[in-house]
């Protein structure tokens, strides 16, 4: 199917174009910077490296989707489970 929108820029508030399972790591960036994360399992804390290189820690989040830019979800300090990254 041809889409008439291929020549348009994708804004930060646009819907996601894809998704992947996140395996938290203290040393390796994800394959792509995410614009949102879904916690599909148990509630927990996310510890992540933002696009600015700074490390951030959330409070305890229930399962659901959260808008945030991140290049890495850290294993140390992240207790949320079944994570999906949206690009």
N, C-alpha and C. Protein backbone atom coordinates (compact mmCIF):
# COMPACT_ATOMS: atom_id res chain seq x y z
N UNK A 1 0.84 -1.17 0.00
CA UNK A 1 0.00 0.00 0.00
C UNK A 1 0.89 1.24 0.00
N UNK A 2 0.60 2.14 -0.87
CA UNK A 2 1.35 3.39 -0.94
C UNK A 2 0.79 4.38 0.09
N UNK A 3 1.69 5.06 0.78
CA UNK A 3 1.24 6.07 1.74
C UNK A 3 1.59 7.46 1.21
N UNK A 4 0.70 8.41 1.30
CA UNK A 4 0.98 9.75 0.81
C UNK A 4 1.82 10.58 1.78
N UNK A 5 2.22 9.99 2.91
CA UNK A 5 2.91 10.76 3.95
C UNK A 5 4.40 10.46 4.06
N UNK A 6 4.96 9.67 3.15
CA UNK A 6 6.38 9.32 3.22
C UNK A 6 7.30 10.53 3.20
N UNK A 7 6.89 11.61 2.58
CA UNK A 7 7.74 12.79 2.46
C UNK A 7 7.60 13.74 3.65
N UNK A 8 6.76 13.42 4.61
CA UNK A 8 6.56 14.27 5.79
C UNK A 8 7.51 13.89 6.91
N UNK A 9 7.95 14.88 7.67
CA UNK A 9 8.76 14.63 8.86
C UNK A 9 7.86 14.00 9.94
N UNK A 10 8.47 13.15 10.77
CA UNK A 10 7.75 12.55 11.88
C UNK A 10 8.04 13.40 13.12
N UNK A 11 7.03 14.06 13.65
CA UNK A 11 7.20 14.91 14.82
C UNK A 11 7.27 14.10 16.10
N UNK A 12 7.74 14.73 17.16
CA UNK A 12 7.88 14.03 18.44
C UNK A 12 6.54 13.65 19.04
N UNK A 13 5.47 14.30 18.59
CA UNK A 13 4.15 13.96 19.12
C UNK A 13 3.36 13.05 18.16
N UNK A 14 4.03 12.56 17.13
CA UNK A 14 3.39 11.65 16.17
C UNK A 14 3.30 10.25 16.75
N UNK A 15 2.42 9.42 16.21
CA UNK A 15 2.36 8.02 16.66
C UNK A 15 3.68 7.31 16.41
N UNK A 16 3.91 6.27 17.15
CA UNK A 16 5.13 5.48 16.98
C UNK A 16 5.13 4.80 15.62
N UNK A 17 6.35 4.57 15.10
CA UNK A 17 6.51 3.91 13.81
C UNK A 17 6.87 2.44 13.97
N UNK A 18 7.25 2.04 15.17
CA UNK A 18 7.63 0.66 15.42
C UNK A 18 7.89 0.45 16.90
N UNK A 19 8.21 -0.79 17.25
CA UNK A 19 8.44 -1.14 18.66
C UNK A 19 9.37 -2.33 18.75
N UNK A 20 9.98 -2.50 19.92
CA UNK A 20 10.84 -3.66 20.17
C UNK A 20 10.89 -3.93 21.66
N UNK A 21 11.18 -5.19 22.00
CA UNK A 21 11.34 -5.60 23.39
C UNK A 21 12.63 -4.99 23.93
N UNK A 22 12.59 -4.50 25.15
CA UNK A 22 13.78 -3.89 25.78
C UNK A 22 14.37 -4.86 26.78
N UNK A 23 15.66 -5.12 26.63
CA UNK A 23 16.43 -5.83 27.64
C UNK A 23 17.31 -4.79 28.31
N UNK A 24 17.02 -4.43 29.56
CA UNK A 24 17.83 -3.41 30.23
C UNK A 24 19.31 -3.79 30.27
N UNK A 25 20.16 -2.79 30.13
CA UNK A 25 21.60 -2.99 30.14
C UNK A 25 22.28 -1.77 30.74
N UNK A 26 23.29 -2.00 31.54
CA UNK A 26 24.06 -0.89 32.09
C UNK A 26 25.13 -0.38 31.13
N UNK A 27 25.42 -1.13 30.06
CA UNK A 27 26.55 -0.80 29.19
C UNK A 27 26.22 -0.57 27.73
N UNK A 28 25.07 -1.06 27.26
CA UNK A 28 24.77 -1.02 25.83
C UNK A 28 23.52 -0.20 25.57
N UNK A 29 23.62 0.77 24.64
CA UNK A 29 22.44 1.53 24.22
C UNK A 29 21.49 0.62 23.45
N UNK A 30 20.22 0.99 23.41
CA UNK A 30 19.24 0.24 22.63
C UNK A 30 19.53 0.43 21.15
N UNK A 31 18.93 -0.37 20.31
CA UNK A 31 19.16 -0.29 18.86
C UNK A 31 18.64 1.02 18.28
N UNK A 32 17.71 1.67 18.97
CA UNK A 32 17.18 2.97 18.56
C UNK A 32 16.72 3.70 19.81
N UNK A 33 16.80 5.03 19.74
CA UNK A 33 16.28 5.84 20.85
C UNK A 33 14.77 5.72 20.85
N UNK A 34 14.19 5.50 22.01
CA UNK A 34 12.74 5.35 22.11
C UNK A 34 12.07 6.68 22.45
N UNK A 35 10.81 6.77 22.08
CA UNK A 35 10.00 7.95 22.40
C UNK A 35 8.96 7.65 23.46
N UNK A 36 8.78 6.35 23.76
CA UNK A 36 7.84 5.92 24.80
C UNK A 36 8.20 4.50 25.22
N UNK A 37 7.75 4.15 26.41
CA UNK A 37 7.99 2.80 26.93
C UNK A 37 6.68 2.27 27.50
N UNK A 38 6.46 0.97 27.31
CA UNK A 38 5.32 0.31 27.92
C UNK A 38 5.83 -0.69 28.95
N UNK A 39 5.28 -0.61 30.15
CA UNK A 39 5.55 -1.59 31.19
C UNK A 39 4.40 -2.59 31.11
N UNK A 40 4.70 -3.82 30.71
CA UNK A 40 3.65 -4.81 30.53
C UNK A 40 3.51 -5.77 31.68
N UNK A 41 4.54 -5.82 32.53
CA UNK A 41 4.52 -6.75 33.65
C UNK A 41 4.28 -6.03 34.96
N UNK A 42 5.00 -6.45 35.97
CA UNK A 42 4.83 -5.89 37.31
C UNK A 42 5.20 -4.41 37.35
N UNK A 43 4.52 -3.67 38.20
CA UNK A 43 4.85 -2.27 38.43
C UNK A 43 6.29 -2.18 38.93
N UNK A 44 6.92 -1.06 38.66
CA UNK A 44 8.29 -0.90 39.12
C UNK A 44 8.88 0.43 38.73
N UNK A 45 10.16 0.55 38.97
CA UNK A 45 10.93 1.76 38.72
C UNK A 45 11.67 1.61 37.40
N UNK A 46 11.78 2.71 36.65
CA UNK A 46 12.62 2.75 35.45
C UNK A 46 13.81 3.65 35.74
N UNK A 47 14.96 3.18 35.40
CA UNK A 47 16.19 3.99 35.47
C UNK A 47 16.73 4.02 34.06
N UNK A 48 16.89 5.22 33.49
CA UNK A 48 17.25 5.32 32.07
C UNK A 48 18.19 6.48 31.79
N UNK A 49 18.85 6.37 30.64
CA UNK A 49 19.72 7.45 30.15
C UNK A 49 18.94 8.18 29.07
N UNK A 50 18.72 9.47 29.27
CA UNK A 50 17.96 10.28 28.33
C UNK A 50 18.79 10.68 27.13
N UNK A 51 18.17 11.35 26.19
CA UNK A 51 18.88 11.78 24.98
C UNK A 51 19.97 12.79 25.30
N UNK A 52 19.89 13.44 26.46
CA UNK A 52 20.91 14.40 26.87
C UNK A 52 22.10 13.75 27.57
N UNK A 53 22.06 12.42 27.75
CA UNK A 53 23.16 11.70 28.40
C UNK A 53 23.03 11.62 29.91
N UNK A 54 22.04 12.28 30.47
CA UNK A 54 21.82 12.25 31.91
C UNK A 54 21.05 10.99 32.31
N UNK A 55 21.25 10.54 33.54
CA UNK A 55 20.54 9.38 34.07
C UNK A 55 19.36 9.85 34.90
N UNK A 56 18.21 9.23 34.68
CA UNK A 56 16.97 9.58 35.37
C UNK A 56 16.37 8.35 36.03
N UNK A 57 15.67 8.55 37.12
CA UNK A 57 14.99 7.47 37.82
C UNK A 57 13.56 7.90 38.10
N UNK A 58 12.61 7.07 37.72
CA UNK A 58 11.20 7.37 37.99
C UNK A 58 10.83 6.88 39.38
N UNK A 59 9.67 7.25 39.84
CA UNK A 59 9.08 6.60 40.99
C UNK A 59 8.49 5.28 40.51
N UNK A 60 7.81 4.57 41.38
CA UNK A 60 7.18 3.32 40.99
C UNK A 60 6.02 3.61 40.04
N UNK A 61 6.07 2.96 38.87
CA UNK A 61 5.06 3.16 37.83
C UNK A 61 4.23 1.88 37.67
N UNK A 62 2.91 2.00 37.57
CA UNK A 62 2.09 0.82 37.31
C UNK A 62 2.21 0.44 35.83
N UNK A 63 1.78 -0.78 35.48
CA UNK A 63 1.79 -1.15 34.06
C UNK A 63 1.06 -0.12 33.22
N UNK A 64 1.60 0.17 32.05
CA UNK A 64 1.02 1.16 31.16
C UNK A 64 2.10 1.73 30.26
N UNK A 65 1.73 2.71 29.45
CA UNK A 65 2.67 3.35 28.52
C UNK A 65 2.99 4.75 29.00
N UNK A 66 4.26 5.12 28.82
CA UNK A 66 4.77 6.41 29.30
C UNK A 66 5.62 7.07 28.23
N UNK A 67 5.34 8.34 27.90
CA UNK A 67 6.17 9.04 26.94
C UNK A 67 7.49 9.45 27.59
N UNK A 68 8.59 9.03 27.00
CA UNK A 68 9.92 9.47 27.45
C UNK A 68 10.93 9.16 26.37
N UNK A 69 11.90 10.02 26.21
CA UNK A 69 13.00 9.75 25.28
C UNK A 69 14.11 9.09 26.07
N UNK A 70 14.61 7.98 25.56
CA UNK A 70 15.71 7.29 26.23
C UNK A 70 16.55 6.56 25.21
N UNK A 71 17.86 6.52 25.47
CA UNK A 71 18.75 5.73 24.60
C UNK A 71 19.15 4.42 25.26
N UNK A 72 18.96 4.34 26.61
CA UNK A 72 19.30 3.12 27.34
C UNK A 72 18.41 3.00 28.56
N UNK A 73 17.89 1.80 28.79
CA UNK A 73 17.21 1.49 30.05
C UNK A 73 18.22 0.70 30.87
N UNK A 74 18.56 1.21 32.03
CA UNK A 74 19.59 0.60 32.85
C UNK A 74 19.07 -0.62 33.60
N UNK A 75 19.91 -1.65 33.66
CA UNK A 75 19.55 -2.87 34.41
C UNK A 75 19.57 -2.59 35.91
N UNK A 76 20.60 -1.88 36.35
CA UNK A 76 20.73 -1.55 37.77
C UNK A 76 19.72 -0.47 38.14
N UNK A 77 18.82 -0.79 39.01
CA UNK A 77 17.82 0.16 39.48
C UNK A 77 16.48 0.06 38.79
N UNK A 78 16.40 -0.65 37.65
CA UNK A 78 15.12 -0.84 36.97
C UNK A 78 14.46 -2.10 37.51
N UNK A 79 13.25 -1.92 38.04
CA UNK A 79 12.52 -3.06 38.58
C UNK A 79 11.24 -3.34 37.79
N UNK A 80 10.85 -2.44 36.87
CA UNK A 80 9.69 -2.66 36.02
C UNK A 80 9.98 -3.83 35.09
N UNK A 81 8.92 -4.56 34.69
CA UNK A 81 9.11 -5.77 33.90
C UNK A 81 8.37 -5.72 32.57
N UNK A 82 8.81 -6.57 31.65
CA UNK A 82 8.18 -6.75 30.34
C UNK A 82 8.09 -5.41 29.62
N UNK A 83 9.24 -4.85 29.27
CA UNK A 83 9.33 -3.52 28.69
C UNK A 83 9.32 -3.55 27.17
N UNK A 84 8.54 -2.65 26.58
CA UNK A 84 8.52 -2.45 25.14
C UNK A 84 8.89 -1.01 24.86
N UNK A 85 9.82 -0.80 23.93
CA UNK A 85 10.21 0.55 23.51
C UNK A 85 9.52 0.91 22.22
N UNK A 86 9.03 2.13 22.13
CA UNK A 86 8.32 2.63 20.95
C UNK A 86 9.16 3.70 20.27
N UNK A 87 9.34 3.54 18.95
CA UNK A 87 10.15 4.49 18.17
C UNK A 87 9.30 5.22 17.16
